[in-house]
Amino acid sequence: MSSKLKSRVFAFAAGLATLAGAGAASAQDFTFGWNPRSGDVWVDTWLSDVNRYGTRYREPFVDEMVRYYGAPRDLVSELLVRRHWAPGDVYYACAIAQILGRPCRYVVDEWDRNHGQGWGAVAKNLGIKPGSPEFHRLKRGFVPTYDRWARPITIDADLHNDFPNRAKAGNNGKLPDRAKVSPQKGKPAQAAKGADKKSTGSQKGPGDKGQGGSKGKGKDKGGSDKH
């Protein structure tokens, strides 16, 4: 499949996600505009969709960053509200920090200084190169986040081995029908209830079972980003 065709396919998939309850977000609304340049068409497409979700459903978005990516709540709120960062940039900064084992603020500061280079260059400077195991983990991390939001996502060929049941289902890697949020309702996933309003890193979050609507509990714990 050509890169141009891939772009169209993923753009179409992101458009479907918008129908599932996304809010409108404009590049002009954000301090750095919006041009992620991660070096991967799939990543850029879904970061744009994170913008739509995070703009419309701020609290569930913030809860996800705090509970599952170890970001301090006050930092995430500051980036979104006072500094007008795109939710996609906030998500990717904290996701990269989690892969590196560094505080989210460390990558935030790096993006602040070098955002003109794009996320691909910034991630590479931090040691995450395209095609590396670390970059693969970055891509894979989108899926459980979308599951917790009960939001459909289309996986690409790179992720088929990680989510074989979705690949075999013949639905282009989308969430099974029973796990999708109802498009006409467009409601956000339940926010991580009981999450600390201060990032202590001691709370236990509901685990990901790979099903967007799952209410089961798993063993994953929220990270901690101490500052």
Protein backbone atom coordinates (compact mmCIF):
# COMPACT_ATOMS: atom_id res chain seq x y z
CA MET A 1 0.00 0.00 0.00
CA SER A 2 1.43 3.39 -0.96
CA SER A 3 2.05 6.01 1.72
CA LYS A 4 -0.52 8.28 0.08
CA LEU A 5 -3.18 5.57 0.21
CA LYS A 6 -2.25 4.77 3.82
CA SER A 7 -2.74 8.43 4.71
CA ARG A 8 -6.21 8.37 3.20
CA VAL A 9 -7.17 5.15 4.96
CA PHE A 10 -6.02 6.35 8.37
CA ALA A 11 -7.59 9.78 7.84
CA PHE A 12 -10.89 8.06 7.04
CA ALA A 13 -10.58 5.93 10.19
CA ALA A 14 -9.91 9.00 12.31
CA GLY A 15 -12.95 10.61 10.74
CA LEU A 16 -15.07 7.69 11.90
CA ALA A 17 -13.69 8.19 15.40
CA THR A 18 -14.83 11.80 15.22
CA LEU A 19 -18.39 10.56 14.69
CA ALA A 20 -18.04 8.62 17.93
CA GLY A 21 -18.01 11.81 19.95
CA ALA A 22 -14.97 13.90 19.09
CA GLY A 23 -14.89 17.66 19.52
CA ALA A 24 -13.55 20.11 17.01
CA ALA A 25 -9.98 21.25 17.47
CA SER A 26 -8.18 23.74 15.29
CA ALA A 27 -4.43 24.11 14.87
CA GLN A 28 -4.84 27.83 15.50
CA ASP A 29 -6.09 27.04 19.00
CA PHE A 30 -2.73 25.62 20.04
CA THR A 31 0.47 27.43 21.02
CA PHE A 32 2.64 25.41 18.62
CA GLY A 33 -0.05 24.96 15.97
CA TRP A 34 -0.47 21.35 14.91
CA ASN A 35 2.12 19.54 12.83
CA PRO A 36 3.39 16.52 14.81
CA ARG A 37 5.76 15.02 12.17
CA SER A 38 6.35 11.88 14.20
CA GLY A 39 7.76 10.10 11.16
CA ASP A 40 4.85 7.65 11.10
CA VAL A 41 1.58 8.34 9.26
CA TRP A 42 -0.44 6.16 11.64
CA VAL A 43 0.91 7.95 14.72
CA ASP A 44 0.24 11.40 13.24
CA THR A 45 -3.32 10.38 12.37
CA TRP A 46 -4.20 9.16 15.84
CA LEU A 47 -2.43 12.03 17.61
CA SER A 48 -4.80 14.29 15.67
CA ASP A 49 -7.71 12.23 16.96
CA VAL A 50 -6.32 12.55 20.51
CA ASN A 51 -6.64 16.31 19.98
CA ARG A 52 -10.32 15.92 19.23
CA TYR A 53 -10.97 13.65 22.19
CA GLY A 54 -8.90 15.71 24.64
CA THR A 55 -10.56 18.94 23.54
CA ARG A 56 -14.08 17.67 24.03
CA TYR A 57 -13.53 15.34 26.98
CA ARG A 58 -10.86 17.06 29.01
CA GLU A 59 -11.38 15.34 32.35
CA PRO A 60 -11.18 11.75 31.07
CA PHE A 61 -8.13 12.80 29.05
CA VAL A 62 -6.42 14.33 32.09
CA ASP A 63 -7.29 11.29 34.21
CA GLU A 64 -5.68 9.02 31.60
CA MET A 65 -2.46 11.04 31.63
CA VAL A 66 -2.33 11.04 35.43
CA ARG A 67 -3.26 7.43 36.11
CA TYR A 68 -1.64 5.56 33.25
CA TYR A 69 1.20 7.84 32.13
CA GLY A 70 2.39 9.11 35.50
CA ALA A 71 1.90 12.81 34.71
CA PRO A 72 1.18 15.23 37.56
CA ARG A 73 -2.38 16.51 37.28
CA ASP A 74 -1.32 20.11 37.75
CA LEU A 75 1.21 19.82 34.91
CA VAL A 76 -1.34 18.38 32.47
CA SER A 77 -3.89 21.05 33.40
CA GLU A 78 -1.28 23.79 33.04
CA LEU A 79 -0.28 22.57 29.58
CA LEU A 80 -3.87 22.38 28.35
CA VAL A 81 -5.34 25.47 29.98
CA ARG A 82 -2.64 28.06 30.56
CA ARG A 83 -0.09 27.11 27.91
CA HIS A 84 -2.63 25.97 25.28
CA TRP A 85 -0.82 22.79 24.28
CA ALA A 86 -2.55 20.41 21.90
CA PRO A 87 -3.80 17.30 23.74
CA GLY A 88 -1.92 15.21 21.18
CA ASP A 89 1.36 16.88 22.19
CA VAL A 90 0.61 16.35 25.88
CA TYR A 91 -0.18 12.69 25.27
CA TYR A 92 2.91 12.04 23.17
CA ALA A 93 5.26 13.85 25.56
CA CYS A 94 4.04 11.77 28.49
CA ALA A 95 4.02 8.55 26.45
CA ILE A 96 7.64 9.12 25.39
CA ALA A 97 8.59 9.93 28.99
CA GLN A 98 7.03 6.67 30.16
CA ILE A 99 9.05 4.69 27.60
CA LEU A 100 12.24 6.46 28.70
CA GLY A 101 11.50 6.11 32.40
CA ARG A 102 11.75 9.88 32.79
CA PRO A 103 9.31 12.43 34.26
CA CYS A 104 6.79 13.81 31.80
CA ARG A 105 8.09 17.32 32.45
CA TYR A 106 11.50 16.26 31.08
CA VAL A 107 10.03 15.57 27.63
CA VAL A 108 7.73 18.60 27.90
CA ASP A 109 10.78 20.82 28.32
CA GLU A 110 12.50 19.13 25.39
CA TRP A 111 9.47 19.72 23.15
CA ASP A 112 9.26 23.31 24.35
CA ARG A 113 12.81 23.91 23.13
CA ASN A 114 12.77 21.89 19.92
CA HIS A 115 9.17 21.60 18.73
CA GLY A 116 10.18 23.14 15.41
CA GLN A 117 11.99 19.89 14.56
CA GLY A 118 8.85 17.76 14.92
CA TRP A 119 8.22 14.80 17.20
CA GLY A 120 10.20 12.40 15.04
CA ALA A 121 13.42 14.36 15.53
CA VAL A 122 12.75 15.09 19.20
CA ALA A 123 12.06 11.41 19.96
CA LYS A 124 15.19 10.38 18.06
CA ASN A 125 17.29 12.87 20.03
CA LEU A 126 15.92 11.28 23.18
CA GLY A 127 16.93 7.81 21.99
CA ILE A 128 13.70 6.55 20.39
CA LYS A 129 14.39 5.87 16.72
CA PRO A 130 11.83 4.92 14.07
CA GLY A 131 11.53 1.14 13.82
CA SER A 132 13.08 0.56 17.23
CA PRO A 133 11.42 -1.57 19.94
CA GLU A 134 10.84 1.63 21.92
CA PHE A 135 9.01 3.24 19.01
CA HIS A 136 6.90 0.11 18.63
CA ARG A 137 5.93 0.36 22.30
CA LEU A 138 4.89 3.98 21.69
CA LYS A 139 2.58 2.88 18.90
CA ARG A 140 1.20 -0.05 20.86
CA GLY A 141 0.38 2.22 23.80
CA PHE A 142 -2.32 4.03 21.84
CA VAL A 143 -4.53 0.94 21.80
CA PRO A 144 -5.10 0.36 25.55
CA THR A 145 -5.62 4.10 25.98
CA TYR A 146 -8.33 4.05 23.32
CA ASP A 147 -9.84 0.96 24.91
CA ARG A 148 -10.12 2.75 28.24
CA TRP A 149 -11.80 5.66 26.45
CA ALA A 150 -14.17 3.17 24.76
CA ARG A 151 -13.13 4.82 21.51
CA PRO A 152 -12.57 2.87 18.26
CA ILE A 153 -9.09 2.81 16.77
CA THR A 154 -7.75 1.16 13.62
CA ILE A 155 -4.46 -0.69 14.03
CA ASP A 156 -1.88 -0.86 11.26
CA ALA A 157 0.21 -3.79 10.05
CA ASP A 158 2.97 -3.07 12.59
CA LEU A 159 0.56 -3.88 15.43
CA HIS A 160 -1.14 -6.99 14.06
CA ASN A 161 1.14 -9.34 16.02
CA ASP A 162 0.36 -7.43 19.22
CA PHE A 163 -3.39 -7.65 18.69
CA PRO A 164 -3.90 -10.84 16.63
CA ASN A 165 -7.56 -11.26 17.54
CA ARG A 166 -8.37 -7.88 16.08
CA ALA A 167 -6.35 -8.58 12.97
CA LYS A 168 -8.08 -11.95 12.48
CA ALA A 169 -11.52 -10.46 13.01
CA GLY A 170 -11.35 -8.98 9.53
CA ASN A 171 -12.41 -5.57 10.78
CA ASN A 172 -9.18 -3.72 9.95
CA GLY A 173 -8.12 -3.94 13.57
CA LYS A 174 -11.03 -1.94 14.92
CA LEU A 175 -12.52 -2.74 18.28
CA PRO A 176 -15.07 -5.58 18.16
CA ASP A 177 -18.64 -4.28 17.94
CA ARG A 178 -19.41 -5.23 21.51
CA ALA A 179 -16.59 -3.02 22.73
CA LYS A 180 -17.39 0.10 20.74
CA VAL A 181 -18.98 3.20 22.17
CA SER A 182 -22.30 3.98 20.55
CA PRO A 183 -21.50 6.52 17.79
CA GLN A 184 -24.74 8.44 18.16
CA LYS A 185 -24.24 8.99 21.86
CA GLY A 186 -20.64 10.07 21.62
CA LYS A 187 -20.08 9.75 25.37
CA PRO A 188 -16.60 9.62 26.84
CA ALA A 189 -15.31 6.59 28.66
CA GLN A 190 -15.74 6.61 32.40
CA ALA A 191 -12.97 8.68 33.90
CA ALA A 192 -10.56 6.89 36.18
CA LYS A 193 -12.69 7.19 39.29
CA GLY A 194 -11.03 7.96 42.55
CA ALA A 195 -7.83 9.11 40.92
CA ASP A 196 -5.84 11.39 43.18
CA LYS A 197 -5.99 15.03 42.29
CA LYS A 198 -2.36 15.17 43.23
CA SER A 199 -0.01 12.88 41.40
CA THR A 200 1.17 10.47 44.10
CA GLY A 201 1.64 7.44 41.90
CA SER A 202 0.12 5.20 44.61
CA GLN A 203 -3.29 4.72 43.08
CA LYS A 204 -4.33 1.56 41.28
CA GLY A 205 -6.26 1.99 38.04
CA PRO A 206 -8.66 -0.24 36.20
CA GLY A 207 -6.68 -2.54 33.95
CA ASP A 208 -6.95 -2.80 30.21
CA LYS A 209 -8.48 -6.02 28.89
CA GLY A 210 -8.34 -4.89 25.30
CA GLN A 211 -12.09 -4.21 25.34
CA GLY A 212 -13.22 -0.63 25.18
CA GLY A 213 -16.33 -1.20 27.29
CA SER A 214 -14.76 -3.58 29.80
CA LYS A 215 -15.42 -2.97 33.46
CA GLY A 216 -13.02 -5.62 34.68
CA LYS A 217 -10.03 -4.77 36.76
CA GLY A 218 -6.50 -5.58 35.87
CA LYS A 219 -3.11 -5.34 37.45
CA ASP A 220 -1.67 -2.26 35.79
CA LYS A 221 -0.75 0.59 38.01
CA GLY A 222 -0.53 4.27 37.27
CA GLY A 223 2.96 5.60 36.96
CA SER A 224 4.39 8.39 39.04
CA ASP A 225 6.07 11.54 37.84
CA LYS A 226 7.51 13.25 40.83
CA HIS A 227 8.38 16.92 40.82
